Amino acid sequence: GRFVVEAKIVNYNSIESIDTLASRFFYSREYISRSFRKYYNTPLSQYIMNKKLLLCQALLTSGESVENAAKQAGFSNMSSFVKIFKKHNGTIPSKYRADRIR
């Protein structure tokens, strides 16, 4: 449906939750989740998180500070960002950054 097409142009860093996205497109949370999973074969929350983490990785690699990279990618809580980043990348953001900008 229309949601799936529009979802491609959304700034993922501005999405705090699926509820935020649902209200933006005037659909229910359940409809958005179901539709996204049907078309993309992955949960929407996981897709958004992966997009945010990819942005963080790119920013860190380009030399951006950990705090700015997290903020630009839409993470508002640094401790949860570090925990999520480490879970997905196997290292903390500052080490990831240091290893790539030498």
C-alpha atoms as a PDB file:
ATOM      1  CA  GLY A   1       0.000   0.000   0.000  1.00  0.00           C
ATOM      2  CA  ARG A   2       0.833   3.659   0.108  1.00  0.00           C
ATOM      3  CA  PHE A   3       2.675   3.280   3.403  1.00  0.00           C
ATOM      4  CA  VAL A   4       5.298   0.944   1.972  1.00  0.00           C
ATOM      5  CA  VAL A   5       6.139   3.347  -0.841  1.00  0.00           C
ATOM      6  CA  GLU A   6       6.258   6.347   1.481  1.00  0.00           C
ATOM      7  CA  ALA A   7       8.393   4.506   4.035  1.00  0.00           C
ATOM      8  CA  LYS A   8      11.273   4.528   1.562  1.00  0.00           C
ATOM      9  CA  ILE A   9      11.607   8.317   1.783  1.00  0.00           C
ATOM     10  CA  VAL A  10      11.387   8.722   5.545  1.00  0.00           C
ATOM     11  CA  ASN A  11      14.368  10.010   7.506  1.00  0.00           C
ATOM     12  CA  TYR A  12      15.004   7.019   9.756  1.00  0.00           C
ATOM     13  CA  ASN A  13      16.929   9.082  12.253  1.00  0.00           C
ATOM     14  CA  SER A  14      13.766  11.048  13.069  1.00  0.00           C
ATOM     15  CA  ILE A  15      11.725   7.959  13.946  1.00  0.00           C
ATOM     16  CA  GLU A  16      11.651   7.354  17.667  1.00  0.00           C
ATOM     17  CA  SER A  17       9.259   4.412  17.481  1.00  0.00           C
ATOM     18  CA  ILE A  18       6.793   2.610  15.255  1.00  0.00           C
ATOM     19  CA  ASP A  19       4.080   4.645  16.972  1.00  0.00           C
ATOM     20  CA  THR A  20       5.779   7.821  15.687  1.00  0.00           C
ATOM     21  CA  LEU A  21       5.746   6.441  12.166  1.00  0.00           C
ATOM     22  CA  ALA A  22       2.139   5.259  12.495  1.00  0.00           C
ATOM     23  CA  SER A  23       0.968   8.702  13.533  1.00  0.00           C
ATOM     24  CA  ARG A  24       2.948  10.320  10.710  1.00  0.00           C
ATOM     25  CA  PHE A  25       1.139   8.206   8.094  1.00  0.00           C
ATOM     26  CA  PHE A  26      -2.220   7.956   9.906  1.00  0.00           C
ATOM     27  CA  TYR A  27      -2.157   4.161  10.132  1.00  0.00           C
ATOM     28  CA  SER A  28      -2.316   1.861  13.105  1.00  0.00           C
ATOM     29  CA  ARG A  29       0.911   0.500  14.548  1.00  0.00           C
ATOM     30  CA  GLU A  30      -0.273  -3.021  13.786  1.00  0.00           C
ATOM     31  CA  TYR A  31      -1.063  -2.255  10.134  1.00  0.00           C
ATOM     32  CA  ILE A  32       2.317  -0.662   9.567  1.00  0.00           C
ATOM     33  CA  SER A  33       4.190  -3.507  11.227  1.00  0.00           C
ATOM     34  CA  ARG A  34       2.253  -6.182   9.372  1.00  0.00           C
ATOM     35  CA  SER A  35       2.533  -4.451   5.993  1.00  0.00           C
ATOM     36  CA  PHE A  36       6.236  -3.771   6.350  1.00  0.00           C
ATOM     37  CA  ARG A  37       7.006  -7.343   7.356  1.00  0.00           C
ATOM     38  CA  LYS A  38       4.925  -8.644   4.446  1.00  0.00           C
ATOM     39  CA  TYR A  39       6.804  -6.564   1.851  1.00  0.00           C
ATOM     40  CA  TYR A  40      10.309  -6.548   3.317  1.00  0.00           C
ATOM     41  CA  ASN A  41      10.372  -9.827   5.263  1.00  0.00           C
ATOM     42  CA  THR A  42      11.872  -8.137   8.322  1.00  0.00           C
ATOM     43  CA  PRO A  43      10.358  -6.374  11.331  1.00  0.00           C
ATOM     44  CA  LEU A  44      10.099  -2.612  10.880  1.00  0.00           C
ATOM     45  CA  SER A  45      11.756  -1.890  14.221  1.00  0.00           C
ATOM     46  CA  GLN A  46      14.767  -3.988  13.228  1.00  0.00           C
ATOM     47  CA  TYR A  47      14.949  -2.297   9.816  1.00  0.00           C
ATOM     48  CA  ILE A  48      14.905   1.173  11.375  1.00  0.00           C
ATOM     49  CA  MET A  49      17.535   0.210  13.950  1.00  0.00           C
ATOM     50  CA  ASN A  50      19.789  -1.197  11.221  1.00  0.00           C
ATOM     51  CA  LYS A  51      19.460   2.043   9.212  1.00  0.00           C
ATOM     52  CA  LYS A  52      20.337   4.116  12.273  1.00  0.00           C
ATOM     53  CA  LEU A  53      23.343   1.930  13.070  1.00  0.00           C
ATOM     54  CA  LEU A  54      24.594   2.103   9.478  1.00  0.00           C
ATOM     55  CA  LEU A  55      24.404   5.890   9.643  1.00  0.00           C
ATOM     56  CA  CYS A  56      26.341   5.857  12.928  1.00  0.00           C
ATOM     57  CA  GLN A  57      29.015   3.622  11.433  1.00  0.00           C
ATOM     58  CA  ALA A  58      29.429   5.950   8.456  1.00  0.00           C
ATOM     59  CA  LEU A  59      29.607   9.019  10.683  1.00  0.00           C
ATOM     60  CA  LEU A  60      32.103   7.421  13.054  1.00  0.00           C
ATOM     61  CA  THR A  61      34.255   6.279  10.128  1.00  0.00           C
ATOM     62  CA  SER A  62      34.281   9.832   8.778  1.00  0.00           C
ATOM     63  CA  GLY A  63      35.623  11.073  12.128  1.00  0.00           C
ATOM     64  CA  GLU A  64      32.420  12.342  13.744  1.00  0.00           C
ATOM     65  CA  SER A  65      32.384  12.179  17.545  1.00  0.00           C
ATOM     66  CA  VAL A  66      30.441   9.376  19.184  1.00  0.00           C
ATOM     67  CA  GLU A  67      28.000  11.838  20.724  1.00  0.00           C
ATOM     68  CA  ASN A  68      27.313  13.650  17.447  1.00  0.00           C
ATOM     69  CA  ALA A  69      27.000  10.412  15.470  1.00  0.00           C
ATOM     70  CA  ALA A  70      24.473   9.055  17.967  1.00  0.00           C
ATOM     71  CA  LYS A  71      22.500  12.291  17.963  1.00  0.00           C
ATOM     72  CA  GLN A  72      22.475  12.587  14.163  1.00  0.00           C
ATOM     73  CA  ALA A  73      21.273   9.008  13.847  1.00  0.00           C
ATOM     74  CA  GLY A  74      18.390   9.649  16.219  1.00  0.00           C
ATOM     75  CA  PHE A  75      19.599   8.084  19.447  1.00  0.00           C
ATOM     76  CA  SER A  76      18.654  10.220  22.417  1.00  0.00           C
ATOM     77  CA  ASN A  77      20.087   8.069  25.216  1.00  0.00           C
ATOM     78  CA  MET A  78      23.853   7.519  25.071  1.00  0.00           C
ATOM     79  CA  SER A  79      23.980   4.524  27.378  1.00  0.00           C
ATOM     80  CA  SER A  80      21.339   2.630  25.401  1.00  0.00           C
ATOM     81  CA  PHE A  81      23.049   3.659  22.148  1.00  0.00           C
ATOM     82  CA  VAL A  82      26.396   2.263  23.319  1.00  0.00           C
ATOM     83  CA  LYS A  83      24.737  -0.971  24.439  1.00  0.00           C
ATOM     84  CA  ILE A  84      22.881  -1.406  21.118  1.00  0.00           C
ATOM     85  CA  PHE A  85      25.940  -0.462  19.063  1.00  0.00           C
ATOM     86  CA  LYS A  86      28.119  -2.967  20.911  1.00  0.00           C
ATOM     87  CA  LYS A  87      25.519  -5.715  20.526  1.00  0.00           C
ATOM     88  CA  HIS A  88      25.370  -5.188  16.746  1.00  0.00           C
ATOM     89  CA  ASN A  89      29.037  -4.419  16.065  1.00  0.00           C
ATOM     90  CA  GLY A  90      30.896  -6.348  18.740  1.00  0.00           C
ATOM     91  CA  THR A  91      32.666  -3.251  20.027  1.00  0.00           C
ATOM     92  CA  ILE A  92      31.852   0.085  21.606  1.00  0.00           C
ATOM     93  CA  PRO A  93      31.430   3.117  19.331  1.00  0.00           C
ATOM     94  CA  SER A  94      34.630   4.894  20.459  1.00  0.00           C
ATOM     95  CA  LYS A  95      36.757   1.835  19.659  1.00  0.00           C
ATOM     96  CA  TYR A  96      34.931   1.349  16.341  1.00  0.00           C
ATOM     97  CA  ARG A  97      35.743   4.979  15.486  1.00  0.00           C
ATOM     98  CA  ALA A  98      39.384   4.758  16.608  1.00  0.00           C
ATOM     99  CA  ASP A  99      39.987   1.566  14.628  1.00  0.00           C
ATOM    100  CA  ARG A 100      38.709   3.172  11.411  1.00  0.00           C
ATOM    101  CA  ILE A 101      40.197   6.649  11.413  1.00  0.00           C
ATOM    102  CA  ARG A 102      43.842   5.797  12.031  1.00  0.00           C
END
